[in-house]
């Protein structure tokens, strides 16, 4: 008689001095996560060390230790320093955000909590946290010294350099997951791709601020600078034999290649482009068009879908365009979740 073993649920530690807030988080998350709860900073630190949760949801304004103080304490302890901390707080301004990121936090979620937005953020940050691990002989091991320091730098780059770029990366990862599942990839492989995709625009940290944040269309020289970002991102990620970091490097290098061979940086065509790169190319353009850029407002859904359809066989893999059309409701759901709808 055969038996199957289900993977354990990810563990979330929720910390808030208000029990009603903890009850709300329990109701929202208990179906998909194993939940731990603490009502003060000292208990939160104790549970984090004892239980090693996969992620911590941390209130900021608490009696005794503030959330920022708790986070700084955790980040100094090598046993728990790698655990992502998301601040869940009504204290949501530029100064608080800077303090939170300086303390080592991964993200902010504003109170009152939007259910879909919170769930989307959790999926994204749990996926990013998995990039701190590589498969080694069938076991999962933390990256050592140089690689761990490198990944921490990548995550900080996503958080600090540009808010719009960071949120774009998270949305594109979710779109890529949807399209990957439609293309026949397993759920695990699709989640790996979503995780890897979060770094697809990492090379933008090599683009000058005055170019990255320019409110007008770029000139030819500036566009040439931006076109370097796939190679810059791949160079930052580095060479890896396997795992999500290897996939991240491939996605960085190939998400601007085109099916017709006129893309960059290598001018690959058709199935020379890895499937992951073809998927992310479509997801990336969808998000850029419909959400807009600093110098251009977002397109309507009709305009966006029409453009993707027109570029079938040009920019995009025709088979993936067909799957996109079938999965459009799922894409729109991801977009709504990212906006807290």
Protein backbone atom coordinates (compact mmCIF):
# COMPACT_ATOMS: atom_id res chain seq x y z
CA UNK A 1 0.00 0.00 0.00
CA UNK A 2 1.49 3.35 -1.06
CA UNK A 3 1.29 6.56 0.92
CA UNK A 4 1.92 10.13 -0.06
CA UNK A 5 3.42 12.79 2.17
CA UNK A 6 2.32 16.36 1.73
CA UNK A 7 4.89 19.11 2.08
CA UNK A 8 4.47 21.01 5.36
CA UNK A 9 2.69 24.33 5.23
CA UNK A 10 4.94 27.39 5.35
CA UNK A 11 5.10 28.85 8.84
CA UNK A 12 4.18 32.51 9.48
CA UNK A 13 4.85 34.31 12.77
CA UNK A 14 2.38 37.18 13.27
CA UNK A 15 3.32 39.80 15.87
CA UNK A 16 0.88 42.48 17.07
CA UNK A 17 -0.09 43.82 20.50
CA UNK A 18 -3.76 44.00 19.42
CA UNK A 19 -5.40 40.54 19.62
CA UNK A 20 -8.08 41.55 17.13
CA UNK A 21 -5.40 42.12 14.50
CA UNK A 22 -3.90 38.70 15.22
CA UNK A 23 -7.35 37.13 14.94
CA UNK A 24 -7.85 38.80 11.55
CA UNK A 25 -4.49 37.50 10.27
CA UNK A 26 -5.41 34.03 11.53
CA UNK A 27 -8.70 34.09 9.65
CA UNK A 28 -7.01 35.29 6.46
CA UNK A 29 -4.01 32.95 6.45
CA UNK A 30 -4.64 29.80 8.48
CA UNK A 31 -5.84 27.76 5.48
CA UNK A 32 -2.51 28.05 3.66
CA UNK A 33 0.01 28.61 6.46
CA UNK A 34 0.93 27.28 9.88
CA UNK A 35 0.45 30.27 12.15
CA UNK A 36 2.36 31.38 15.25
CA UNK A 37 1.39 34.45 17.27
CA UNK A 38 3.13 36.88 19.62
CA UNK A 39 1.84 40.05 21.29
CA UNK A 40 5.17 41.68 22.19
CA UNK A 41 8.70 41.92 20.86
CA UNK A 42 10.41 39.65 23.40
CA UNK A 43 7.97 36.81 22.75
CA UNK A 44 8.37 37.34 19.01
CA UNK A 45 12.15 36.95 19.26
CA UNK A 46 11.75 33.87 21.44
CA UNK A 47 9.35 32.19 18.99
CA UNK A 48 11.47 33.13 15.98
CA UNK A 49 14.53 31.40 17.47
CA UNK A 50 12.57 28.38 18.68
CA UNK A 51 10.37 27.77 15.64
CA UNK A 52 12.34 29.31 12.74
CA UNK A 53 9.25 30.50 10.82
CA UNK A 54 9.45 31.04 7.07
CA UNK A 55 8.29 34.66 7.35
CA UNK A 56 7.41 37.19 10.04
CA UNK A 57 4.52 39.69 9.91
CA UNK A 58 5.51 42.40 12.38
CA UNK A 59 3.59 45.35 13.79
CA UNK A 60 5.63 48.53 14.29
CA UNK A 61 3.97 50.43 17.16
CA UNK A 62 4.06 48.07 20.16
CA UNK A 63 4.73 48.73 23.86
CA UNK A 64 8.22 47.84 24.98
CA UNK A 65 10.18 46.99 21.85
CA UNK A 66 8.97 48.54 18.61
CA UNK A 67 8.79 46.42 15.49
CA UNK A 68 11.90 48.15 14.13
CA UNK A 69 13.83 47.20 17.28
CA UNK A 70 12.62 43.61 17.03
CA UNK A 71 13.69 43.42 13.40
CA UNK A 72 17.16 44.82 14.15
CA UNK A 73 17.59 42.24 16.91
CA UNK A 74 16.56 39.40 14.59
CA UNK A 75 18.89 40.52 11.81
CA UNK A 76 21.87 40.40 14.22
CA UNK A 77 21.16 36.76 15.10
CA UNK A 78 22.59 34.41 12.41
CA UNK A 79 20.03 31.74 13.34
CA UNK A 80 17.11 33.85 12.15
CA UNK A 81 18.66 36.71 10.14
CA UNK A 82 17.54 35.26 6.80
CA UNK A 83 13.84 35.16 7.74
CA UNK A 84 11.95 37.85 5.75
CA UNK A 85 10.19 40.44 7.90
CA UNK A 86 7.15 42.28 6.53
CA UNK A 87 5.94 45.23 8.61
CA UNK A 88 2.14 45.37 8.90
CA UNK A 89 1.36 48.82 10.19
CA UNK A 90 -0.75 51.95 10.04
CA UNK A 91 2.51 53.93 10.35
CA UNK A 92 3.10 54.22 6.61
CA UNK A 93 5.12 57.23 5.47
CA UNK A 94 8.49 57.79 3.80
CA UNK A 95 10.35 58.16 7.10
CA UNK A 96 8.89 55.00 8.59
CA UNK A 97 9.55 53.10 5.41
CA UNK A 98 13.21 54.17 5.42
CA UNK A 99 13.56 53.16 9.08
CA UNK A 100 11.97 49.79 8.39
CA UNK A 101 14.19 48.95 5.44
CA UNK A 102 17.25 50.15 7.35
CA UNK A 103 16.30 47.76 10.15
CA UNK A 104 16.31 44.89 7.66
CA UNK A 105 12.63 44.62 6.76
CA UNK A 106 11.63 43.18 3.40
CA UNK A 107 8.36 45.05 2.79
CA UNK A 108 5.52 47.10 4.24
CA UNK A 109 1.79 46.28 4.20
CA UNK A 110 -0.58 49.03 5.30
CA UNK A 111 -3.39 48.56 7.81
CA UNK A 112 -6.23 47.90 7.32
CA UNK A 113 -4.92 44.80 5.59
CA UNK A 114 -6.18 43.98 2.08
CA UNK A 115 -6.64 40.21 1.92
CA UNK A 116 -5.62 39.61 -1.69
CA UNK A 117 -2.75 42.09 -1.54
CA UNK A 118 -1.34 40.48 1.62
CA UNK A 119 -1.60 36.97 0.18
CA UNK A 120 0.15 38.08 -3.01
CA UNK A 121 2.96 39.74 -1.03
CA UNK A 122 3.42 36.62 1.09
CA UNK A 123 3.73 34.38 -1.98
CA UNK A 124 6.26 36.73 -3.53
CA UNK A 125 8.46 37.08 -0.45
CA UNK A 126 8.38 33.40 0.41
CA UNK A 127 9.48 32.72 -3.16
CA UNK A 128 12.29 35.26 -2.87
CA UNK A 129 13.41 33.70 0.40
CA UNK A 130 13.79 30.36 -1.34
CA UNK A 131 16.49 31.96 -3.47
CA UNK A 132 18.70 31.90 -0.35
CA UNK A 133 18.88 28.13 -0.73
CA UNK A 134 20.32 25.78 -3.32
CA UNK A 135 19.78 22.09 -3.81
CA UNK A 136 22.84 20.11 -2.72
CA UNK A 137 22.75 16.32 -3.01
CA UNK A 138 18.99 16.21 -2.57
CA UNK A 139 19.09 18.39 0.54
CA UNK A 140 18.41 22.09 0.87
CA UNK A 141 21.37 24.04 2.23
CA UNK A 142 21.78 27.71 3.01
CA UNK A 143 24.07 29.52 0.62
CA UNK A 144 27.54 30.03 2.10
CA UNK A 145 29.30 33.35 2.78
CA UNK A 146 29.86 34.89 -0.65
CA UNK A 147 26.63 33.63 -2.20
CA UNK A 148 24.57 34.55 0.84
CA UNK A 149 26.04 38.05 0.84
CA UNK A 150 25.33 38.30 -2.89
CA UNK A 151 21.67 37.33 -2.50
CA UNK A 152 21.19 39.78 0.34
CA UNK A 153 22.53 42.48 -1.98
CA UNK A 154 20.07 41.47 -4.68
CA UNK A 155 17.13 41.65 -2.30
CA UNK A 156 18.23 45.02 -0.98
CA UNK A 157 18.50 46.25 -4.56
CA UNK A 158 14.89 45.24 -5.20
CA UNK A 159 13.70 47.02 -2.06
CA UNK A 160 15.64 50.25 -2.21
CA UNK A 161 16.51 51.26 -5.76
CA UNK A 162 13.15 51.95 -7.25
CA UNK A 163 9.71 51.20 -5.83
CA UNK A 164 8.05 51.02 -9.25
CA UNK A 165 10.67 48.58 -10.57
CA UNK A 166 10.35 46.38 -7.49
CA UNK A 167 6.56 46.16 -7.69
CA UNK A 168 6.71 45.58 -11.44
CA UNK A 169 9.07 42.65 -10.79
CA UNK A 170 6.69 41.04 -8.30
CA UNK A 171 3.71 41.38 -10.63
CA UNK A 172 5.62 39.98 -13.60
CA UNK A 173 6.65 37.00 -11.48
CA UNK A 174 3.01 36.23 -10.73
CA UNK A 175 2.05 36.58 -14.40
CA UNK A 176 4.93 34.28 -15.34
CA UNK A 177 3.70 31.67 -12.86
CA UNK A 178 0.23 31.70 -14.42
CA UNK A 179 1.61 31.40 -17.95
CA UNK A 180 4.11 28.71 -16.97
CA UNK A 181 1.34 26.53 -15.52
CA UNK A 182 -0.70 27.01 -18.69
CA UNK A 183 2.35 25.98 -20.73
CA UNK A 184 2.54 22.67 -18.86
CA UNK A 185 5.14 23.34 -16.19
CA UNK A 186 4.60 21.79 -12.77
CA UNK A 187 3.45 23.95 -9.89
CA UNK A 188 6.93 23.75 -8.33
CA UNK A 189 8.64 24.76 -11.58
CA UNK A 190 6.15 27.59 -12.07
CA UNK A 191 6.84 28.86 -8.55
CA UNK A 192 10.57 28.66 -9.20
CA UNK A 193 10.07 30.78 -12.30
CA UNK A 194 8.02 33.34 -10.38
CA UNK A 195 10.81 33.51 -7.84
CA UNK A 196 13.51 33.84 -10.49
CA UNK A 197 11.51 36.48 -12.34
CA UNK A 198 11.61 38.78 -9.33
CA UNK A 199 15.22 39.52 -10.36
CA UNK A 200 14.60 39.95 -14.09
CA UNK A 201 15.20 43.73 -14.01
CA UNK A 202 17.96 43.60 -11.41
CA UNK A 203 20.35 45.12 -13.97
CA UNK A 204 18.44 48.39 -13.71
CA UNK A 205 20.58 49.16 -10.67
CA UNK A 206 23.34 49.78 -13.21
CA UNK A 207 21.31 52.51 -14.93
CA UNK A 208 21.82 56.09 -13.75
CA UNK A 209 19.06 57.61 -11.63
CA UNK A 210 18.53 60.46 -14.06
CA UNK A 211 17.78 57.92 -16.79
CA UNK A 212 15.79 55.46 -14.70
CA UNK A 213 13.55 58.18 -13.25
CA UNK A 214 13.33 60.49 -16.24
CA UNK A 215 9.71 61.62 -16.68
CA UNK A 216 10.04 62.06 -20.46
CA UNK A 217 10.74 59.53 -23.23
CA UNK A 218 14.40 58.43 -23.38
CA UNK A 219 16.68 59.55 -26.18
CA UNK A 220 18.75 57.13 -28.25
CA UNK A 221 21.80 57.23 -25.96
CA UNK A 222 19.65 56.67 -22.87
CA UNK A 223 17.84 53.76 -24.51
CA UNK A 224 21.23 52.21 -25.26
CA UNK A 225 22.12 52.45 -21.58
CA UNK A 226 18.87 50.78 -20.56
CA UNK A 227 19.44 47.99 -23.08
CA UNK A 228 22.50 46.97 -21.09
CA UNK A 229 20.43 45.93 -18.09
CA UNK A 230 19.96 42.23 -19.02
CA UNK A 231 23.72 41.68 -19.09
CA UNK A 232 24.30 43.80 -15.99
CA UNK A 233 21.72 41.76 -14.09
CA UNK A 234 23.23 38.47 -15.24
CA UNK A 235 26.69 39.64 -14.21
CA UNK A 236 25.43 40.60 -10.74
CA UNK A 237 23.67 37.25 -10.26
CA UNK A 238 26.74 35.36 -11.47
CA UNK A 239 27.24 31.80 -12.68
CA UNK A 240 25.35 29.00 -10.93
CA UNK A 241 25.19 25.36 -11.96
CA UNK A 242 21.58 24.86 -10.95
CA UNK A 243 18.72 26.17 -8.85
CA UNK A 244 16.75 29.38 -8.87
CA UNK A 245 19.79 31.63 -9.17
CA UNK A 246 20.77 29.87 -12.40
CA UNK A 247 17.22 30.38 -13.67
CA UNK A 248 17.32 34.03 -12.58
CA UNK A 249 20.45 34.60 -14.63
CA UNK A 250 18.87 33.01 -17.70
CA UNK A 251 15.71 35.09 -17.33
CA UNK A 252 17.73 38.27 -16.89
CA UNK A 253 19.66 37.57 -20.09
CA UNK A 254 16.74 36.52 -22.30
CA UNK A 255 13.60 38.45 -21.31
CA UNK A 256 14.26 41.05 -24.04
CA UNK A 257 15.00 38.56 -26.81
CA UNK A 258 12.33 38.41 -29.51
CA UNK A 259 10.80 35.44 -31.30
CA UNK A 260 11.76 36.98 -34.67
CA UNK A 261 15.42 37.38 -33.67
CA UNK A 262 15.51 41.18 -33.45
CA UNK A 263 15.73 41.42 -29.66
CA UNK A 264 18.72 41.92 -27.39
CA UNK A 265 21.35 41.30 -26.10
CA UNK A 266 22.13 38.18 -28.17
CA UNK A 267 19.61 38.33 -31.03
CA UNK A 268 18.28 34.84 -30.26
CA UNK A 269 15.24 33.65 -32.26
CA UNK A 270 12.39 31.18 -31.79
CA UNK A 271 13.17 28.25 -29.54
CA UNK A 272 16.78 29.37 -29.19
CA UNK A 273 15.26 31.55 -26.49
CA UNK A 274 14.70 29.49 -23.32
CA UNK A 275 11.03 28.95 -22.49
CA UNK A 276 11.47 30.89 -19.25
CA UNK A 277 12.73 33.91 -21.17
CA UNK A 278 9.85 33.71 -23.65
CA UNK A 279 7.31 33.55 -20.83
CA UNK A 280 8.81 36.47 -18.94
CA UNK A 281 9.07 38.56 -22.13
CA UNK A 282 5.32 38.41 -22.60
CA UNK A 283 4.51 38.92 -18.91
CA UNK A 284 6.95 41.85 -18.75
CA UNK A 285 5.47 43.69 -21.73
CA UNK A 286 1.89 43.10 -20.56
CA UNK A 287 2.64 44.72 -17.23
CA UNK A 288 4.65 47.61 -18.71
CA UNK A 289 1.90 48.46 -21.18
CA UNK A 290 -1.11 48.22 -18.92
CA UNK A 291 0.52 49.88 -15.89
CA UNK A 292 2.34 52.55 -17.85
CA UNK A 293 5.73 54.16 -17.28
CA UNK A 294 6.90 57.48 -15.85
CA UNK A 295 6.58 59.18 -19.22
CA UNK A 296 3.55 57.28 -20.55
CA UNK A 297 0.17 56.43 -19.00
CA UNK A 298 -1.00 52.85 -19.02
CA UNK A 299 -2.86 51.50 -22.01
CA UNK A 300 -6.39 50.18 -21.88
CA UNK A 301 -6.89 46.44 -21.65
CA UNK A 302 -8.15 46.39 -25.24
CA UNK A 303 -5.05 48.24 -26.50
CA UNK A 304 -2.70 46.00 -24.51
CA UNK A 305 -4.27 42.74 -25.64
CA UNK A 306 -4.36 43.99 -29.23
CA UNK A 307 -0.65 44.78 -29.15
CA UNK A 308 0.30 41.37 -27.75
CA UNK A 309 -1.83 39.69 -30.39
CA UNK A 310 -0.25 41.81 -33.15
CA UNK A 311 3.24 40.84 -31.95
CA UNK A 312 2.49 37.09 -32.03
CA UNK A 313 5.33 35.65 -34.10
CA UNK A 314 7.20 38.97 -33.90
CA UNK A 315 8.12 39.78 -30.34
CA UNK A 316 6.38 36.81 -28.77
CA UNK A 317 6.15 33.04 -29.07
CA UNK A 318 2.80 32.48 -30.87
CA UNK A 319 1.95 29.53 -28.68
CA UNK A 320 2.40 31.60 -25.54
CA UNK A 321 0.25 34.39 -26.96
CA UNK A 322 -2.56 31.87 -27.44
CA UNK A 323 -2.15 30.68 -23.86
CA UNK A 324 -2.11 34.28 -22.65
CA UNK A 325 -5.45 34.94 -24.32
CA UNK A 326 -6.88 31.87 -22.56
CA UNK A 327 -5.41 32.92 -19.20
CA UNK A 328 -6.31 36.61 -19.40
CA UNK A 329 -8.80 36.42 -16.47
CA UNK A 330 -6.03 35.03 -14.26
CA UNK A 331 -3.72 37.87 -15.35
CA UNK A 332 -6.38 40.41 -14.44
CA UNK A 333 -6.84 38.76 -11.04
CA UNK A 334 -3.11 39.11 -10.34
CA UNK A 335 -3.27 42.76 -11.33
CA UNK A 336 -6.24 43.36 -9.02
CA UNK A 337 -4.47 41.63 -6.12
CA UNK A 338 -1.36 43.77 -6.56
CA UNK A 339 -3.55 46.86 -6.23
CA UNK A 340 -5.19 45.54 -3.07
CA UNK A 341 -8.53 45.07 -4.80
